[in-house]
All heavy atoms as atom14 arrays in JSON, in Angstrom:
{
  "sequence": "LCGKRLLVVEDNELNMEIAEFMLKGAGAEVDSVF",
  "atom14_mask": [
    [1, 1, 1, 1, 1, 1, 1, 1, 0, 0, 0, 0, 0, 0],
    [1, 1, 1, 1, 1, 1, 0, 0, 0, 0, 0, 0, 0, 0],
    [1, 1, 1, 1, 0, 0, 0, 0, 0, 0, 0, 0, 0, 0],
    [1, 1, 1, 1, 1, 1, 1, 1, 1, 0, 0, 0, 0, 0],
    [1, 1, 1, 1, 1, 1, 1, 1, 1, 1, 1, 0, 0, 0],
    [1, 1, 1, 1, 1, 1, 1, 1, 0, 0, 0, 0, 0, 0],
    [1, 1, 1, 1, 1, 1, 1, 1, 0, 0, 0, 0, 0, 0],
    [1, 1, 1, 1, 1, 1, 1, 0, 0, 0, 0, 0, 0, 0],
    [1, 1, 1, 1, 1, 1, 1, 0, 0, 0, 0, 0, 0, 0],
    [1, 1, 1, 1, 1, 1, 1, 1, 1, 0, 0, 0, 0, 0],
    [1, 1, 1, 1, 1, 1, 1, 1, 0, 0, 0, 0, 0, 0],
    [1, 1, 1, 1, 1, 1, 1, 1, 0, 0, 0, 0, 0, 0],
    [1, 1, 1, 1, 1, 1, 1, 1, 1, 0, 0, 0, 0, 0],
    [1, 1, 1, 1, 1, 1, 1, 1, 0, 0, 0, 0, 0, 0],
    [1, 1, 1, 1, 1, 1, 1, 1, 0, 0, 0, 0, 0, 0],
    [1, 1, 1, 1, 1, 1, 1, 1, 0, 0, 0, 0, 0, 0],
    [1, 1, 1, 1, 1, 1, 1, 1, 1, 0, 0, 0, 0, 0],
    [1, 1, 1, 1, 1, 1, 1, 1, 0, 0, 0, 0, 0, 0],
    [1, 1, 1, 1, 1, 0, 0, 0, 0, 0, 0, 0, 0, 0],
    [1, 1, 1, 1, 1, 1, 1, 1, 1, 0, 0, 0, 0, 0],
    [1, 1, 1, 1, 1, 1, 1, 1, 1, 1, 1, 0, 0, 0],
    [1, 1, 1, 1, 1, 1, 1, 1, 0, 0, 0, 0, 0, 0],
    [1, 1, 1, 1, 1, 1, 1, 1, 0, 0, 0, 0, 0, 0],
    [1, 1, 1, 1, 1, 1, 1, 1, 1, 0, 0, 0, 0, 0],
    [1, 1, 1, 1, 0, 0, 0, 0, 0, 0, 0, 0, 0, 0],
    [1, 1, 1, 1, 1, 0, 0, 0, 0, 0, 0, 0, 0, 0],
    [1, 1, 1, 1, 0, 0, 0, 0, 0, 0, 0, 0, 0, 0],
    [1, 1, 1, 1, 1, 0, 0, 0, 0, 0, 0, 0, 0, 0],
    [1, 1, 1, 1, 1, 1, 1, 1, 1, 0, 0, 0, 0, 0],
    [1, 1, 1, 1, 1, 1, 1, 0, 0, 0, 0, 0, 0, 0],
    [1, 1, 1, 1, 1, 1, 1, 1, 0, 0, 0, 0, 0, 0],
    [1, 1, 1, 1, 1, 1, 0, 0, 0, 0, 0, 0, 0, 0],
    [1, 1, 1, 1, 1, 1, 1, 0, 0, 0, 0, 0, 0, 0],
    [1, 1, 1, 1, 1, 1, 1, 1, 1, 1, 1, 0, 0, 0]
  ],
  "atom14_positions": [
    [[0.82, -1.2, 0.0], [0.0, 0.0, 0.0], [0.87, 1.26, 0.0], [0.37, 2.35, 0.27], [-0.92, 0.01, 1.23], [-2.03, -1.04, 1.25], [-2.84, -0.94, 2.54], [-2.95, -0.89, 0.05], [0.0, 0.0, 0.0], [0.0, 0.0, 0.0], [0.0, 0.0, 0.0], [0.0, 0.0, 0.0], [0.0, 0.0, 0.0], [0.0, 0.0, 0.0]],
    [[2.12, 1.11, -0.32], [3.06, 2.24, -0.26], [2.58, 3.4, -1.13], [2.28, 3.23, -2.32], [4.45, 1.8, -0.72], [5.26, 0.67, 0.42], [0.0, 0.0, 0.0], [0.0, 0.0, 0.0], [0.0, 0.0, 0.0], [0.0, 0.0, 0.0], [0.0, 0.0, 0.0], [0.0, 0.0, 0.0], [0.0, 0.0, 0.0], [0.0, 0.0, 0.0]],
    [[2.49, 4.58, -0.52], [2.13, 5.78, -1.24], [0.65, 5.96, -1.48], [0.22, 6.99, -2.01], [0.0, 0.0, 0.0], [0.0, 0.0, 0.0], [0.0, 0.0, 0.0], [0.0, 0.0, 0.0], [0.0, 0.0, 0.0], [0.0, 0.0, 0.0], [0.0, 0.0, 0.0], [0.0, 0.0, 0.0], [0.0, 0.0, 0.0], [0.0, 0.0, 0.0]],
    [[-0.16, 4.98, -1.09], [-1.61, 5.09, -1.29], [-2.23, 5.82, -0.1], [-1.97, 5.49, 1.04], [-2.22, 3.7, -1.48], [-1.77, 3.01, -2.76], [-2.38, 1.64, -2.89], [-2.09, 1.04, -4.27], [-0.68, 0.84, -4.53], [0.0, 0.0, 0.0], [0.0, 0.0, 0.0], [0.0, 0.0, 0.0], [0.0, 0.0, 0.0], [0.0, 0.0, 0.0]],
    [[-3.08, 6.8, -0.4], [-3.68, 7.62, 0.65], [-5.11, 7.16, 0.92], [-5.93, 7.05, 0.0], [-3.68, 9.09, 0.22], [-4.01, 10.06, 1.35], [-3.78, 11.48, 0.88], [-4.12, 12.46, 1.89], [-4.11, 13.77, 1.68], [-3.75, 14.24, 0.49], [-4.43, 14.6, 2.65], [0.0, 0.0, 0.0], [0.0, 0.0, 0.0], [0.0, 0.0, 0.0]],
    [[-5.38, 6.88, 2.18], [-6.68, 6.35, 2.59], [-7.31, 7.28, 3.61], [-6.62, 7.91, 4.42], [-6.52, 4.95, 3.21], [-5.76, 3.91, 2.38], [-5.55, 2.65, 3.2], [-6.49, 3.6, 1.09], [0.0, 0.0, 0.0], [0.0, 0.0, 0.0], [0.0, 0.0, 0.0], [0.0, 0.0, 0.0], [0.0, 0.0, 0.0], [0.0, 0.0, 0.0]],
    [[-8.64, 7.37, 3.59], [-9.39, 8.11, 4.59], [-10.0, 7.1, 5.56], [-10.78, 6.22, 5.15], [-10.49, 8.94, 3.93], [-11.4, 9.74, 4.88], [-10.59, 10.78, 5.66], [-12.53, 10.41, 4.09], [0.0, 0.0, 0.0], [0.0, 0.0, 0.0], [0.0, 0.0, 0.0], [0.0, 0.0, 0.0], [0.0, 0.0, 0.0], [0.0, 0.0, 0.0]],
    [[-9.64, 7.19, 6.84], [-10.16, 6.27, 7.85], [-11.13, 7.02, 8.75], [-10.79, 8.06, 9.32], [-9.01, 5.66, 8.68], [-9.57, 4.74, 9.76], [-8.04, 4.9, 7.79], [0.0, 0.0, 0.0], [0.0, 0.0, 0.0], [0.0, 0.0, 0.0], [0.0, 0.0, 0.0], [0.0, 0.0, 0.0], [0.0, 0.0, 0.0], [0.0, 0.0, 0.0]],
    [[-12.33, 6.48, 8.88], [-13.4, 7.12, 9.65], [-13.75, 6.19, 10.83], [-14.27, 5.09, 10.62], [-14.64, 7.36, 8.78], [-15.62, 8.28, 9.49], [-14.25, 7.9, 7.41], [0.0, 0.0, 0.0], [0.0, 0.0, 0.0], [0.0, 0.0, 0.0], [0.0, 0.0, 0.0], [0.0, 0.0, 0.0], [0.0, 0.0, 0.0], [0.0, 0.0, 0.0]],
    [[-13.49, 6.62, 12.04], [-13.65, 5.77, 13.22], [-13.78, 6.65, 14.45], [-12.92, 7.49, 14.72], [-12.45, 4.83, 13.34], [-12.35, 4.07, 14.64], [-13.51, 3.13, 14.88], [-13.64, 2.14, 14.13], [-14.29, 3.4, 15.81], [0.0, 0.0, 0.0], [0.0, 0.0, 0.0], [0.0, 0.0, 0.0], [0.0, 0.0, 0.0], [0.0, 0.0, 0.0]],
    [[-14.85, 6.48, 15.23], [-15.08, 7.36, 16.39], [-14.39, 6.88, 17.66], [-14.28, 7.62, 18.63], [-16.58, 7.54, 16.64], [-17.24, 6.29, 17.23], [-16.87, 5.18, 16.79], [-18.11, 6.43, 18.1], [0.0, 0.0, 0.0], [0.0, 0.0, 0.0], [0.0, 0.0, 0.0], [0.0, 0.0, 0.0], [0.0, 0.0, 0.0], [0.0, 0.0, 0.0]],
    [[-13.91, 5.64, 17.66], [-13.23, 5.11, 18.83], [-11.72, 5.3, 18.69], [-11.12, 4.82, 17.72], [-13.57, 3.61, 19.01], [-12.95, 3.01, 20.24], [-11.75, 2.76, 20.28], [-13.77, 2.78, 21.25], [0.0, 0.0, 0.0], [0.0, 0.0, 0.0], [0.0, 0.0, 0.0], [0.0, 0.0, 0.0], [0.0, 0.0, 0.0], [0.0, 0.0, 0.0]],
    [[-11.11, 5.99, 19.65], [-9.69, 6.35, 19.51], [-8.8, 5.11, 19.47], [-7.81, 5.08, 18.72], [-9.28, 7.28, 20.65], [-9.91, 8.67, 20.57], [-9.33, 9.62, 21.59], [-8.32, 9.27, 22.23], [-9.9, 10.72, 21.77], [0.0, 0.0, 0.0], [0.0, 0.0, 0.0], [0.0, 0.0, 0.0], [0.0, 0.0, 0.0], [0.0, 0.0, 0.0]],
    [[-9.11, 4.11, 20.28], [-8.28, 2.9, 20.29], [-8.4, 2.16, 18.96], [-7.38, 1.74, 18.38], [-8.69, 1.98, 21.44], [-7.93, 0.65, 21.54], [-6.43, 0.88, 21.67], [-8.45, -0.19, 22.69], [0.0, 0.0, 0.0], [0.0, 0.0, 0.0], [0.0, 0.0, 0.0], [0.0, 0.0, 0.0], [0.0, 0.0, 0.0], [0.0, 0.0, 0.0]],
    [[-9.62, 2.02, 18.45], [-9.8, 1.36, 17.15], [-9.09, 2.13, 16.04], [-8.5, 1.53, 15.13], [-11.28, 1.23, 16.82], [-11.99, 0.2, 17.66], [-11.36, -0.66, 18.26], [-13.31, 0.29, 17.73], [0.0, 0.0, 0.0], [0.0, 0.0, 0.0], [0.0, 0.0, 0.0], [0.0, 0.0, 0.0], [0.0, 0.0, 0.0], [0.0, 0.0, 0.0]],
    [[-9.13, 3.47, 16.12], [-8.44, 4.29, 15.14], [-6.94, 4.06, 15.2], [-6.27, 3.92, 14.17], [-8.75, 5.78, 15.36], [-8.01, 6.71, 14.41], [-8.56, 6.55, 12.7], [-10.01, 7.63, 12.74], [0.0, 0.0, 0.0], [0.0, 0.0, 0.0], [0.0, 0.0, 0.0], [0.0, 0.0, 0.0], [0.0, 0.0, 0.0], [0.0, 0.0, 0.0]],
    [[-6.41, 4.01, 16.42], [-4.97, 3.79, 16.58], [-4.55, 2.45, 15.99], [-3.51, 2.34, 15.33], [-4.6, 3.86, 18.07], [-3.12, 3.72, 18.34], [-2.78, 3.82, 19.83], [-3.65, 4.24, 20.61], [-1.64, 3.47, 20.19], [0.0, 0.0, 0.0], [0.0, 0.0, 0.0], [0.0, 0.0, 0.0], [0.0, 0.0, 0.0], [0.0, 0.0, 0.0]],
    [[-5.36, 1.42, 16.21], [-5.05, 0.09, 15.67], [-5.08, 0.1, 14.15], [-4.17, -0.42, 13.48], [-6.05, -0.95, 16.22], [-5.84, -1.14, 17.73], [-5.9, -2.28, 15.48], [-6.92, -1.94, 18.4], [0.0, 0.0, 0.0], [0.0, 0.0, 0.0], [0.0, 0.0, 0.0], [0.0, 0.0, 0.0], [0.0, 0.0, 0.0], [0.0, 0.0, 0.0]],
    [[-6.12, 0.73, 13.56], [-6.23, 0.78, 12.11], [-5.06, 1.55, 11.51], [-4.46, 1.13, 10.5], [-7.56, 1.43, 11.71], [0.0, 0.0, 0.0], [0.0, 0.0, 0.0], [0.0, 0.0, 0.0], [0.0, 0.0, 0.0], [0.0, 0.0, 0.0], [0.0, 0.0, 0.0], [0.0, 0.0, 0.0], [0.0, 0.0, 0.0], [0.0, 0.0, 0.0]],
    [[-4.73, 2.69, 12.11], [-3.6, 3.49, 11.61], [-2.31, 2.7, 11.67], [-1.5, 2.73, 10.73], [-3.46, 4.77, 12.44], [-4.55, 5.8, 12.19], [-4.37, 7.02, 13.08], [-3.76, 6.89, 14.16], [-4.84, 8.1, 12.7], [0.0, 0.0, 0.0], [0.0, 0.0, 0.0], [0.0, 0.0, 0.0], [0.0, 0.0, 0.0], [0.0, 0.0, 0.0]],
    [[-2.09, 2.0, 12.77], [-0.86, 1.21, 12.94], [-0.73, 0.16, 11.84], [0.33, -0.01, 11.23], [-0.86, 0.56, 14.32], [0.32, -0.32, 14.58], [1.55, 0.22, 14.94], [0.22, -1.71, 14.47], [2.65, -0.6, 15.18], [1.32, -2.52, 14.7], [2.53, -1.96, 15.06], [0.0, 0.0, 0.0], [0.0, 0.0, 0.0], [0.0, 0.0, 0.0]],
    [[-1.82, -0.55, 11.56], [-1.79, -1.6, 10.54], [-1.58, -1.01, 9.15], [-0.78, -1.52, 8.36], [-3.1, -2.39, 10.58], [-3.28, -3.23, 11.82], [-4.88, -4.1, 11.78], [-4.76, -5.09, 13.29], [0.0, 0.0, 0.0], [0.0, 0.0, 0.0], [0.0, 0.0, 0.0], [0.0, 0.0, 0.0], [0.0, 0.0, 0.0], [0.0, 0.0, 0.0]],
    [[-2.28, 0.05, 8.84], [-2.22, 0.62, 7.49], [-0.89, 1.31, 7.23], [-0.29, 1.15, 6.16], [-3.37, 1.61, 7.29], [-4.77, 0.98, 7.3], [-5.84, 2.06, 7.34], [-4.97, 0.07, 6.09], [0.0, 0.0, 0.0], [0.0, 0.0, 0.0], [0.0, 0.0, 0.0], [0.0, 0.0, 0.0], [0.0, 0.0, 0.0], [0.0, 0.0, 0.0]],
    [[-0.42, 2.07, 8.2], [0.87, 2.74, 8.03], [2.0, 1.72, 7.96], [2.99, 1.91, 7.25], [1.1, 3.75, 9.14], [0.19, 4.97, 9.05], [0.44, 5.95, 10.2], [-0.47, 7.16, 10.07], [-0.27, 8.13, 11.2], [0.0, 0.0, 0.0], [0.0, 0.0, 0.0], [0.0, 0.0, 0.0], [0.0, 0.0, 0.0], [0.0, 0.0, 0.0]],
    [[1.85, 0.62, 8.7], [2.85, -0.44, 8.64], [2.92, -1.08, 7.27], [3.94, -1.67, 6.89], [0.0, 0.0, 0.0], [0.0, 0.0, 0.0], [0.0, 0.0, 0.0], [0.0, 0.0, 0.0], [0.0, 0.0, 0.0], [0.0, 0.0, 0.0], [0.0, 0.0, 0.0], [0.0, 0.0, 0.0], [0.0, 0.0, 0.0], [0.0, 0.0, 0.0]],
    [[1.81, -1.0, 6.51], [1.78, -1.53, 5.14], [2.16, -0.48, 4.12], [2.06, -0.72, 2.91], [0.39, -2.08, 4.83], [0.0, 0.0, 0.0], [0.0, 0.0, 0.0], [0.0, 0.0, 0.0], [0.0, 0.0, 0.0], [0.0, 0.0, 0.0], [0.0, 0.0, 0.0], [0.0, 0.0, 0.0], [0.0, 0.0, 0.0], [0.0, 0.0, 0.0]],
    [[2.57, 0.71, 4.59], [3.06, 1.74, 3.68], [2.05, 2.79, 3.27], [2.37, 3.7, 2.5], [0.0, 0.0, 0.0], [0.0, 0.0, 0.0], [0.0, 0.0, 0.0], [0.0, 0.0, 0.0], [0.0, 0.0, 0.0], [0.0, 0.0, 0.0], [0.0, 0.0, 0.0], [0.0, 0.0, 0.0], [0.0, 0.0, 0.0], [0.0, 0.0, 0.0]],
    [[0.81, 2.7, 3.78], [-0.23, 3.65, 3.37], [-0.07, 4.99, 4.07], [0.47, 5.08, 5.18], [-1.6, 3.07, 3.67], [0.0, 0.0, 0.0], [0.0, 0.0, 0.0], [0.0, 0.0, 0.0], [0.0, 0.0, 0.0], [0.0, 0.0, 0.0], [0.0, 0.0, 0.0], [0.0, 0.0, 0.0], [0.0, 0.0, 0.0], [0.0, 0.0, 0.0]],
    [[-0.58, 6.03, 3.43], [-0.74, 7.33, 4.06], [-2.18, 7.42, 4.55], [-3.12, 7.09, 3.82], [-0.45, 8.46, 3.07], [0.99, 8.43, 2.53], [1.22, 9.5, 1.48], [0.31, 10.35, 1.28], [2.28, 9.48, 0.83], [0.0, 0.0, 0.0], [0.0, 0.0, 0.0], [0.0, 0.0, 0.0], [0.0, 0.0, 0.0], [0.0, 0.0, 0.0]],
    [[-2.38, 7.86, 5.79], [-3.69, 7.81, 6.41], [-4.13, 9.18, 6.89], [-3.4, 9.87, 7.59], [-3.69, 6.83, 7.62], [-5.05, 6.84, 8.32], [-3.33, 5.42, 7.17], [0.0, 0.0, 0.0], [0.0, 0.0, 0.0], [0.0, 0.0, 0.0], [0.0, 0.0, 0.0], [0.0, 0.0, 0.0], [0.0, 0.0, 0.0], [0.0, 0.0, 0.0]],
    [[-5.34, 9.58, 6.49], [-6.01, 10.75, 7.06], [-7.14, 10.22, 7.94], [-7.93, 9.36, 7.51], [-6.59, 11.64, 5.96], [-5.5, 12.42, 5.23], [-4.33, 12.37, 5.67], [-5.81, 13.08, 4.22], [0.0, 0.0, 0.0], [0.0, 0.0, 0.0], [0.0, 0.0, 0.0], [0.0, 0.0, 0.0], [0.0, 0.0, 0.0], [0.0, 0.0, 0.0]],
    [[-7.23, 10.74, 9.16], [-8.16, 10.19, 10.14], [-9.21, 11.22, 10.54], [-8.87, 12.36, 10.85], [-7.4, 9.73, 11.39], [-6.36, 8.84, 11.04], [0.0, 0.0, 0.0], [0.0, 0.0, 0.0], [0.0, 0.0, 0.0], [0.0, 0.0, 0.0], [0.0, 0.0, 0.0], [0.0, 0.0, 0.0], [0.0, 0.0, 0.0], [0.0, 0.0, 0.0]],
    [[-10.48, 10.79, 10.57], [-11.58, 11.62, 11.08], [-12.45, 10.74, 11.96], [-12.42, 9.51, 11.87], [-12.41, 12.25, 9.95], [-11.58, 13.25, 9.15], [-12.98, 11.18, 9.02], [0.0, 0.0, 0.0], [0.0, 0.0, 0.0], [0.0, 0.0, 0.0], [0.0, 0.0, 0.0], [0.0, 0.0, 0.0], [0.0, 0.0, 0.0], [0.0, 0.0, 0.0]],
    [[-13.27, 11.39, 12.82], [-13.92, 10.64, 13.89], [-15.45, 10.62, 13.82], [-16.1, 10.17, 14.76], [-13.45, 11.19, 15.24], [-11.99, 10.92, 15.51], [-11.02, 11.8, 15.07], [-11.59, 9.77, 16.15], [-9.67, 11.55, 15.3], [-10.26, 9.5, 16.38], [-9.28, 10.39, 15.95], [0.0, 0.0, 0.0], [0.0, 0.0, 0.0], [0.0, 0.0, 0.0]]
  ]
}
């Protein structure tokens, strides 16, 4: 997923942190909203 930009929508901060960790670990760029 290197260089791919994703929008992640999640109201739970812990769930957001987990999703960001997994996606960024795969090379994605992540914008987060709640």
